[in-house]
N, C-alpha and C. Protein backbone atom coordinates (compact mmCIF):
# COMPACT_ATOMS: atom_id res chain seq x y z
N MET A 1 -45.58 -79.97 -188.39
CA MET A 1 -45.58 -80.30 -189.61
C MET A 1 -44.72 -81.00 -190.21
N GLN A 2 -45.41 -81.63 -191.14
CA GLN A 2 -44.87 -83.47 -191.74
C GLN A 2 -43.68 -83.13 -192.75
N GLU A 3 -42.71 -84.08 -192.26
CA GLU A 3 -41.53 -84.25 -192.66
C GLU A 3 -41.53 -84.55 -194.19
N LYS A 4 -40.69 -84.04 -194.92
CA LYS A 4 -40.66 -84.57 -196.56
C LYS A 4 -40.10 -85.84 -196.74
N ARG A 5 -40.24 -86.40 -197.33
CA ARG A 5 -40.05 -87.67 -197.87
C ARG A 5 -39.78 -88.17 -199.35
N PRO A 6 -38.98 -88.72 -199.68
CA PRO A 6 -39.18 -89.46 -201.16
C PRO A 6 -40.32 -90.09 -201.67
N ARG A 7 -40.84 -89.86 -202.41
CA ARG A 7 -42.17 -90.79 -202.83
C ARG A 7 -41.26 -91.99 -203.79
N LEU A 8 -42.50 -92.98 -203.52
CA LEU A 8 -41.92 -94.20 -204.78
C LEU A 8 -42.75 -94.14 -206.14
N GLY A 9 -42.09 -94.46 -207.05
CA GLY A 9 -42.79 -94.08 -208.58
C GLY A 9 -42.48 -95.80 -209.01
N ALA A 10 -43.59 -95.37 -210.18
CA ALA A 10 -42.98 -96.56 -211.35
C ALA A 10 -43.30 -96.25 -212.82
N ALA A 11 -42.60 -96.01 -213.33
CA ALA A 11 -42.91 -95.72 -214.57
C ALA A 11 -42.54 -97.00 -215.55
N THR A 12 -42.41 -97.08 -216.78
CA THR A 12 -42.34 -97.98 -218.01
C THR A 12 -42.06 -97.53 -219.49
N ILE A 13 -41.22 -98.35 -219.96
CA ILE A 13 -40.83 -98.45 -221.42
C ILE A 13 -41.81 -98.92 -221.98
N VAL A 14 -42.21 -98.46 -222.92
CA VAL A 14 -43.27 -99.46 -223.49
C VAL A 14 -42.66 -99.56 -225.20
N ILE A 15 -42.44 -100.73 -225.82
CA ILE A 15 -41.99 -100.75 -226.83
C ILE A 15 -42.97 -101.01 -227.87
N HIS A 16 -43.17 -100.72 -229.26
CA HIS A 16 -44.09 -101.05 -229.88
C HIS A 16 -43.80 -100.66 -231.58
N ASP A 17 -43.23 -101.59 -232.38
CA ASP A 17 -42.91 -101.51 -233.90
C ASP A 17 -41.68 -100.44 -233.66
N ASP A 18 -40.38 -101.13 -232.46
CA ASP A 18 -39.43 -100.60 -232.58
C ASP A 18 -39.33 -99.22 -232.03
N LYS A 19 -40.45 -98.28 -231.32
CA LYS A 19 -40.66 -96.99 -231.24
C LYS A 19 -41.09 -97.09 -229.77
N ILE A 20 -40.81 -95.84 -229.14
CA ILE A 20 -40.59 -96.00 -227.50
C ILE A 20 -41.67 -95.03 -227.58
N LEU A 21 -42.66 -95.42 -225.96
CA LEU A 21 -43.58 -94.37 -225.43
C LEU A 21 -43.44 -93.40 -224.69
N LEU A 22 -43.48 -92.09 -225.45
CA LEU A 22 -43.39 -91.01 -224.60
C LEU A 22 -44.49 -90.04 -224.06
N GLY A 23 -44.64 -89.29 -223.28
CA GLY A 23 -45.76 -88.62 -222.95
C GLY A 23 -44.99 -86.90 -222.69
N ARG A 24 -45.55 -85.67 -222.83
CA ARG A 24 -45.03 -84.54 -222.37
C ARG A 24 -45.39 -84.01 -221.19
N ARG A 25 -45.38 -83.90 -220.32
CA ARG A 25 -45.58 -83.93 -219.15
C ARG A 25 -46.56 -82.22 -219.03
N ASN A 26 -47.73 -82.32 -218.37
CA ASN A 26 -48.53 -81.53 -218.03
C ASN A 26 -48.73 -81.25 -216.63
N LYS A 27 -47.39 -81.27 -215.82
CA LYS A 27 -47.73 -80.71 -214.19
C LYS A 27 -46.40 -80.03 -214.27
N THR A 28 -46.45 -79.53 -212.61
CA THR A 28 -45.43 -78.29 -212.47
C THR A 28 -44.11 -78.86 -212.42
N ASN A 29 -43.67 -79.96 -212.33
CA ASN A 29 -42.47 -80.50 -212.05
C ASN A 29 -42.26 -81.04 -213.63
N ALA A 30 -41.35 -80.37 -214.06
CA ALA A 30 -40.63 -80.80 -215.81
C ALA A 30 -42.11 -80.63 -216.87
N ASN A 31 -42.52 -79.55 -216.23
CA ASN A 31 -43.84 -79.40 -217.47
C ASN A 31 -42.91 -78.90 -218.84
N GLY A 32 -43.72 -79.27 -219.38
CA GLY A 32 -43.70 -79.22 -221.26
C GLY A 32 -42.18 -80.18 -221.86
N MET A 33 -41.79 -81.32 -220.78
CA MET A 33 -40.63 -82.18 -221.07
C MET A 33 -41.44 -83.37 -221.32
N TRP A 34 -40.42 -84.10 -222.32
CA TRP A 34 -40.96 -85.50 -222.46
C TRP A 34 -40.39 -86.60 -221.37
N VAL A 35 -41.45 -87.28 -220.88
CA VAL A 35 -40.85 -88.60 -219.89
C VAL A 35 -41.60 -89.69 -220.48
N ILE A 36 -41.01 -90.87 -219.42
CA ILE A 36 -41.39 -92.27 -219.74
C ILE A 36 -42.84 -92.26 -219.11
N PRO A 37 -43.88 -92.59 -219.49
CA PRO A 37 -44.92 -92.43 -218.55
C PRO A 37 -44.95 -93.24 -217.08
N GLY A 38 -45.70 -92.76 -216.24
CA GLY A 38 -45.73 -93.44 -214.56
C GLY A 38 -45.71 -92.82 -213.54
N GLY A 39 -46.20 -92.91 -212.39
CA GLY A 39 -46.67 -92.14 -211.33
C GLY A 39 -46.45 -92.96 -210.17
N GLY A 40 -47.02 -92.59 -209.42
CA GLY A 40 -46.77 -92.71 -207.61
C GLY A 40 -47.19 -94.12 -207.46
N VAL A 41 -46.67 -95.25 -206.47
CA VAL A 41 -46.98 -96.34 -206.13
C VAL A 41 -47.99 -96.05 -204.99
N ASP A 42 -49.30 -96.90 -205.36
CA ASP A 42 -49.90 -96.59 -203.63
C ASP A 42 -50.02 -97.95 -202.69
N TRP A 43 -50.15 -97.07 -201.63
CA TRP A 43 -50.14 -98.10 -200.30
C TRP A 43 -50.67 -99.80 -200.78
N GLY A 44 -49.89 -100.52 -200.52
CA GLY A 44 -50.12 -101.93 -200.56
C GLY A 44 -49.89 -101.94 -201.90
N GLU A 45 -49.88 -101.46 -203.07
CA GLU A 45 -49.62 -102.08 -204.58
C GLU A 45 -48.14 -102.24 -204.57
N HIS A 46 -47.56 -103.50 -205.69
CA HIS A 46 -46.53 -103.25 -206.13
C HIS A 46 -46.57 -102.68 -206.97
N SER A 47 -44.74 -102.22 -207.01
CA SER A 47 -44.18 -101.05 -208.15
C SER A 47 -44.82 -101.92 -209.38
N ARG A 48 -44.59 -103.28 -209.74
CA ARG A 48 -44.83 -103.70 -210.79
C ARG A 48 -46.59 -103.58 -211.26
N GLU A 49 -47.59 -103.22 -210.31
CA GLU A 49 -48.92 -103.05 -210.41
C GLU A 49 -49.12 -101.78 -210.64
N ALA A 50 -48.08 -101.19 -210.25
CA ALA A 50 -48.32 -99.53 -210.23
C ALA A 50 -47.43 -98.94 -211.61
N ALA A 51 -46.91 -100.03 -212.30
CA ALA A 51 -46.14 -99.75 -213.68
C ALA A 51 -47.14 -99.97 -214.66
N VAL A 52 -48.57 -101.22 -214.77
CA VAL A 52 -49.07 -101.04 -215.27
C VAL A 52 -50.71 -100.29 -214.78
N ARG A 53 -51.08 -99.92 -214.01
CA ARG A 53 -52.11 -99.25 -214.19
C ARG A 53 -52.07 -97.78 -214.38
N GLU A 54 -50.31 -97.12 -214.29
CA GLU A 54 -50.06 -95.89 -214.33
C GLU A 54 -50.47 -95.76 -216.22
N ILE A 55 -49.88 -96.95 -216.31
CA ILE A 55 -49.92 -96.46 -217.95
C ILE A 55 -51.30 -96.30 -218.62
N LYS A 56 -52.42 -97.25 -218.03
CA LYS A 56 -53.45 -97.87 -218.49
C LYS A 56 -54.20 -96.08 -218.24
N GLU A 57 -53.93 -95.72 -217.18
CA GLU A 57 -54.67 -94.00 -216.72
C GLU A 57 -53.73 -93.06 -217.38
N GLU A 58 -52.75 -93.16 -217.58
CA GLU A 58 -51.91 -92.32 -218.35
C GLU A 58 -52.37 -92.10 -219.66
N THR A 59 -52.10 -93.14 -220.42
CA THR A 59 -52.50 -93.36 -221.91
C THR A 59 -53.44 -94.05 -222.53
N ASN A 60 -54.21 -94.95 -221.85
CA ASN A 60 -54.87 -95.69 -222.06
C ASN A 60 -54.53 -97.36 -222.46
N LEU A 61 -53.61 -97.17 -222.58
CA LEU A 61 -52.89 -98.72 -222.97
C LEU A 61 -52.65 -99.77 -221.97
N ASP A 62 -53.24 -100.94 -222.66
CA ASP A 62 -52.82 -101.98 -221.83
C ASP A 62 -51.59 -102.88 -221.80
N ILE A 63 -51.13 -102.81 -221.43
CA ILE A 63 -49.42 -103.73 -221.30
C ILE A 63 -49.32 -105.23 -220.94
N GLU A 64 -48.35 -105.67 -221.20
CA GLU A 64 -47.71 -106.59 -220.50
C GLU A 64 -46.33 -106.47 -220.03
N LEU A 65 -46.09 -106.51 -219.14
CA LEU A 65 -44.25 -106.15 -218.47
C LEU A 65 -43.42 -107.23 -218.71
N ILE A 66 -42.31 -107.14 -219.54
CA ILE A 66 -41.29 -107.96 -219.72
C ILE A 66 -39.85 -108.19 -218.81
N ARG A 67 -40.29 -106.95 -218.17
CA ARG A 67 -38.58 -107.31 -216.95
C ARG A 67 -38.95 -105.50 -216.10
N PHE A 68 -37.80 -106.19 -215.32
CA PHE A 68 -37.36 -105.09 -214.15
C PHE A 68 -36.28 -104.27 -215.52
N VAL A 69 -36.27 -102.91 -215.49
CA VAL A 69 -34.92 -102.27 -215.69
C VAL A 69 -34.23 -101.95 -214.59
N GLY A 70 -34.20 -101.20 -213.31
CA GLY A 70 -33.48 -100.36 -212.52
C GLY A 70 -34.40 -99.06 -211.86
N TYR A 71 -34.29 -99.14 -210.71
CA TYR A 71 -34.42 -98.19 -210.00
C TYR A 71 -33.48 -96.88 -210.21
N HIS A 72 -34.33 -95.49 -210.09
CA HIS A 72 -33.31 -94.29 -210.33
C HIS A 72 -34.05 -93.01 -209.54
N GLU A 73 -33.55 -92.35 -208.80
CA GLU A 73 -33.41 -91.34 -208.29
C GLU A 73 -33.76 -89.76 -208.70
N ILE A 74 -34.52 -89.62 -208.18
CA ILE A 74 -34.85 -88.19 -209.42
C ILE A 74 -34.97 -87.24 -208.43
N ILE A 75 -34.35 -86.17 -208.38
CA ILE A 75 -34.51 -85.24 -207.28
C ILE A 75 -34.75 -83.82 -207.94
N ASN A 76 -35.69 -82.88 -207.66
CA ASN A 76 -35.78 -81.63 -208.05
C ASN A 76 -36.30 -80.54 -206.78
N VAL A 77 -35.27 -80.46 -206.04
CA VAL A 77 -35.93 -79.20 -204.98
C VAL A 77 -36.59 -78.20 -205.16
N PRO A 78 -35.96 -77.59 -206.35
CA PRO A 78 -36.47 -76.12 -206.30
C PRO A 78 -38.29 -76.67 -206.94
N ALA A 79 -38.46 -77.46 -207.51
CA ALA A 79 -40.06 -77.97 -207.89
C ALA A 79 -41.03 -78.80 -206.89
N ASN A 80 -39.98 -78.99 -205.61
CA ASN A 80 -40.60 -79.90 -204.82
C ASN A 80 -40.70 -81.18 -205.13
N TYR A 81 -39.81 -81.62 -205.79
CA TYR A 81 -39.99 -83.15 -206.27
C TYR A 81 -38.89 -84.16 -205.75
N HIS A 82 -39.17 -85.18 -205.23
CA HIS A 82 -38.18 -86.39 -204.91
C HIS A 82 -38.77 -87.58 -204.75
N ALA A 83 -38.35 -88.35 -205.81
CA ALA A 83 -38.74 -89.72 -206.34
C ALA A 83 -37.83 -90.52 -206.25
N ILE A 84 -38.07 -91.94 -205.92
CA ILE A 84 -37.21 -93.27 -206.24
C ILE A 84 -38.11 -94.04 -207.26
N VAL A 85 -37.93 -94.05 -208.55
CA VAL A 85 -38.92 -94.57 -209.71
C VAL A 85 -38.65 -95.95 -209.99
N ALA A 86 -38.95 -96.98 -209.66
CA ALA A 86 -38.65 -98.60 -210.44
C ALA A 86 -39.21 -98.29 -212.01
N PHE A 87 -38.55 -98.73 -212.87
CA PHE A 87 -38.64 -98.57 -214.21
C PHE A 87 -38.97 -100.07 -214.75
N TYR A 88 -39.75 -100.31 -215.80
CA TYR A 88 -40.05 -101.57 -216.40
C TYR A 88 -40.17 -101.53 -217.66
N LEU A 89 -39.67 -103.00 -218.72
CA LEU A 89 -39.90 -102.82 -219.84
C LEU A 89 -41.17 -103.55 -220.13
N ALA A 90 -41.92 -102.77 -221.39
CA ALA A 90 -43.34 -103.32 -221.38
C ALA A 90 -43.42 -103.36 -222.80
N LYS A 91 -44.19 -104.47 -223.31
CA LYS A 91 -44.89 -104.13 -224.53
C LYS A 91 -46.19 -104.20 -224.62
N LEU A 92 -46.92 -103.70 -225.71
CA LEU A 92 -48.63 -103.77 -226.11
C LEU A 92 -49.18 -104.96 -225.57
N LYS A 93 -50.38 -105.17 -225.03
CA LYS A 93 -50.84 -106.28 -225.44
C LYS A 93 -51.52 -106.96 -226.46
N SER A 94 -51.84 -105.96 -227.25
CA SER A 94 -52.85 -106.16 -228.56
C SER A 94 -51.90 -105.10 -229.21
N SER A 95 -52.20 -105.29 -230.70
CA SER A 95 -51.51 -104.26 -231.89
C SER A 95 -52.81 -103.30 -232.15
N HIS A 96 -53.94 -103.22 -231.27
CA HIS A 96 -55.09 -102.99 -232.19
C HIS A 96 -55.20 -101.71 -230.42
N PHE A 97 -54.66 -100.55 -230.48
CA PHE A 97 -54.99 -99.63 -229.65
C PHE A 97 -55.63 -98.09 -229.38
N GLU A 98 -56.10 -97.63 -229.05
CA GLU A 98 -56.63 -96.37 -228.65
C GLU A 98 -55.48 -95.40 -227.57
N LEU A 99 -54.14 -94.75 -228.58
CA LEU A 99 -53.42 -94.01 -227.29
C LEU A 99 -54.48 -92.74 -227.12
N GLU A 100 -54.44 -92.31 -225.78
CA GLU A 100 -54.89 -91.43 -224.86
C GLU A 100 -54.27 -90.56 -224.32
N ALA A 101 -53.71 -89.44 -224.22
CA ALA A 101 -52.88 -89.01 -223.08
C ALA A 101 -54.08 -87.90 -222.17
N SER A 102 -53.69 -88.95 -220.99
CA SER A 102 -54.11 -88.36 -219.78
C SER A 102 -54.52 -86.73 -219.15
N GLU A 103 -54.30 -86.07 -218.03
CA GLU A 103 -54.69 -84.69 -218.02
C GLU A 103 -52.95 -84.70 -217.33
N ASP A 104 -52.65 -85.43 -217.35
CA ASP A 104 -51.35 -85.66 -216.57
C ASP A 104 -50.31 -85.36 -217.71
N LEU A 105 -50.30 -85.54 -218.76
CA LEU A 105 -49.73 -85.28 -220.42
C LEU A 105 -50.46 -84.57 -220.59
N ASP A 106 -49.62 -83.54 -221.77
CA ASP A 106 -50.72 -82.89 -222.90
C ASP A 106 -50.61 -83.24 -224.26
N ASN A 107 -49.64 -84.54 -224.14
CA ASN A 107 -49.18 -85.19 -225.34
C ASN A 107 -48.57 -86.93 -225.49
N ALA A 108 -48.75 -87.63 -225.88
CA ALA A 108 -48.01 -88.85 -225.78
C ALA A 108 -48.25 -89.51 -227.21
N GLY A 109 -47.06 -90.25 -227.40
CA GLY A 109 -46.97 -91.07 -228.57
C GLY A 109 -45.85 -91.78 -228.69
N PHE A 110 -45.55 -92.50 -229.64
CA PHE A 110 -44.66 -93.65 -230.20
C PHE A 110 -43.03 -93.17 -230.71
N TYR A 111 -42.20 -92.83 -230.65
CA TYR A 111 -41.25 -91.96 -230.83
C TYR A 111 -39.57 -93.42 -231.14
N THR A 112 -38.98 -93.01 -232.56
CA THR A 112 -38.24 -93.73 -232.73
C THR A 112 -36.93 -93.34 -231.62
N LEU A 113 -35.96 -94.28 -231.35
CA LEU A 113 -34.92 -93.35 -230.81
C LEU A 113 -34.15 -91.98 -231.07
N GLU A 114 -34.26 -91.97 -232.41
CA GLU A 114 -33.66 -90.99 -233.02
C GLU A 114 -34.32 -89.47 -233.08
N ASP A 115 -35.85 -89.76 -232.96
CA ASP A 115 -36.32 -88.47 -232.50
C ASP A 115 -36.53 -88.25 -231.13
N ILE A 116 -36.24 -89.33 -229.90
CA ILE A 116 -36.32 -88.95 -228.69
C ILE A 116 -34.77 -87.86 -228.58
N LYS A 117 -33.41 -88.60 -229.25
CA LYS A 117 -32.42 -87.64 -228.53
C LYS A 117 -32.44 -86.53 -229.24
N LYS A 118 -33.44 -86.05 -230.02
CA LYS A 118 -33.42 -84.58 -230.60
C LYS A 118 -34.67 -83.76 -229.60
N MET A 119 -35.33 -84.74 -228.76
CA MET A 119 -36.61 -84.05 -228.13
C MET A 119 -36.00 -83.56 -226.84
N ASN A 120 -36.95 -82.48 -225.88
CA ASN A 120 -36.62 -82.31 -224.77
C ASN A 120 -36.91 -83.00 -223.56
N CYS A 121 -35.85 -83.81 -223.35
CA CYS A 121 -36.57 -85.29 -222.40
C CYS A 121 -36.02 -84.81 -221.09
N VAL A 122 -36.52 -84.94 -219.97
CA VAL A 122 -35.84 -85.34 -218.54
C VAL A 122 -34.81 -86.43 -218.69
N ASP A 123 -33.81 -86.33 -217.92
CA ASP A 123 -32.78 -86.82 -217.78
C ASP A 123 -32.90 -88.27 -217.66
N SER A 124 -33.82 -88.69 -217.03
CA SER A 124 -34.46 -90.43 -216.57
C SER A 124 -34.60 -90.95 -217.75
N VAL A 125 -35.22 -90.20 -219.21
CA VAL A 125 -35.39 -90.89 -220.52
C VAL A 125 -33.80 -91.54 -220.65
N GLU A 126 -33.36 -90.89 -221.04
CA GLU A 126 -31.49 -91.30 -221.55
C GLU A 126 -31.12 -92.65 -220.39
N TRP A 127 -31.46 -92.18 -219.05
CA TRP A 127 -30.92 -93.18 -218.05
C TRP A 127 -31.45 -94.25 -218.07
N ALA A 128 -32.87 -94.34 -218.33
CA ALA A 128 -33.53 -95.95 -218.56
C ALA A 128 -33.39 -96.45 -219.87
N LEU A 129 -33.47 -95.70 -220.88
CA LEU A 129 -33.43 -96.25 -222.27
C LEU A 129 -31.72 -97.00 -222.38
N LYS A 130 -31.01 -96.26 -221.35
CA LYS A 130 -29.26 -97.20 -221.47
C LYS A 130 -29.19 -98.41 -220.93
N GLU A 131 -30.12 -98.20 -219.51
CA GLU A 131 -30.20 -99.46 -218.71
C GLU A 131 -30.89 -100.56 -219.31
N ALA A 132 -32.23 -100.02 -219.99
CA ALA A 132 -32.47 -101.01 -220.74
C ALA A 132 -32.13 -101.48 -222.25
N SER A 133 -30.66 -101.15 -222.64
CA SER A 133 -30.14 -101.49 -223.76
C SER A 133 -30.60 -100.60 -224.76
N ILE A 134 -31.16 -100.39 -224.98
CA ILE A 134 -32.06 -99.36 -226.23
C ILE A 134 -31.06 -98.01 -226.32
N TRP A 135 -30.77 -97.53 -225.80
CA TRP A 135 -29.96 -96.10 -226.35
C TRP A 135 -28.57 -96.66 -226.50
N LYS A 136 -28.41 -96.45 -227.88
CA LYS A 136 -27.05 -96.57 -228.13
C LYS A 136 -26.10 -95.92 -228.62
């Protein structure tokens, strides 16, 4: 039997017009909850590269990373989930874009901080936005 180990992930806070990109999760862990989009880091891939790639795959958006925000450990043993996630802050490369949620998300959009505070978000959303000095 293979030993279970935490997975490395990358997620990106994307800011556009003073709004923040969130997606509603369409997977077993945290299903139906709002998250900062991201996913797993592939073998040989830097977490920065994974952050850009995952945003493209999950939302069809092209982004430019601004800075690293921090690492956050997410553990949900009942859902068989344990990840260490690198969070980044980014902006869109262009003001002309077509946002499309992937199969991992059943919805995605840009929301104000006031909206986000009322949404059913995973804990890491508040943590990451505070670390990025956005949540006040």
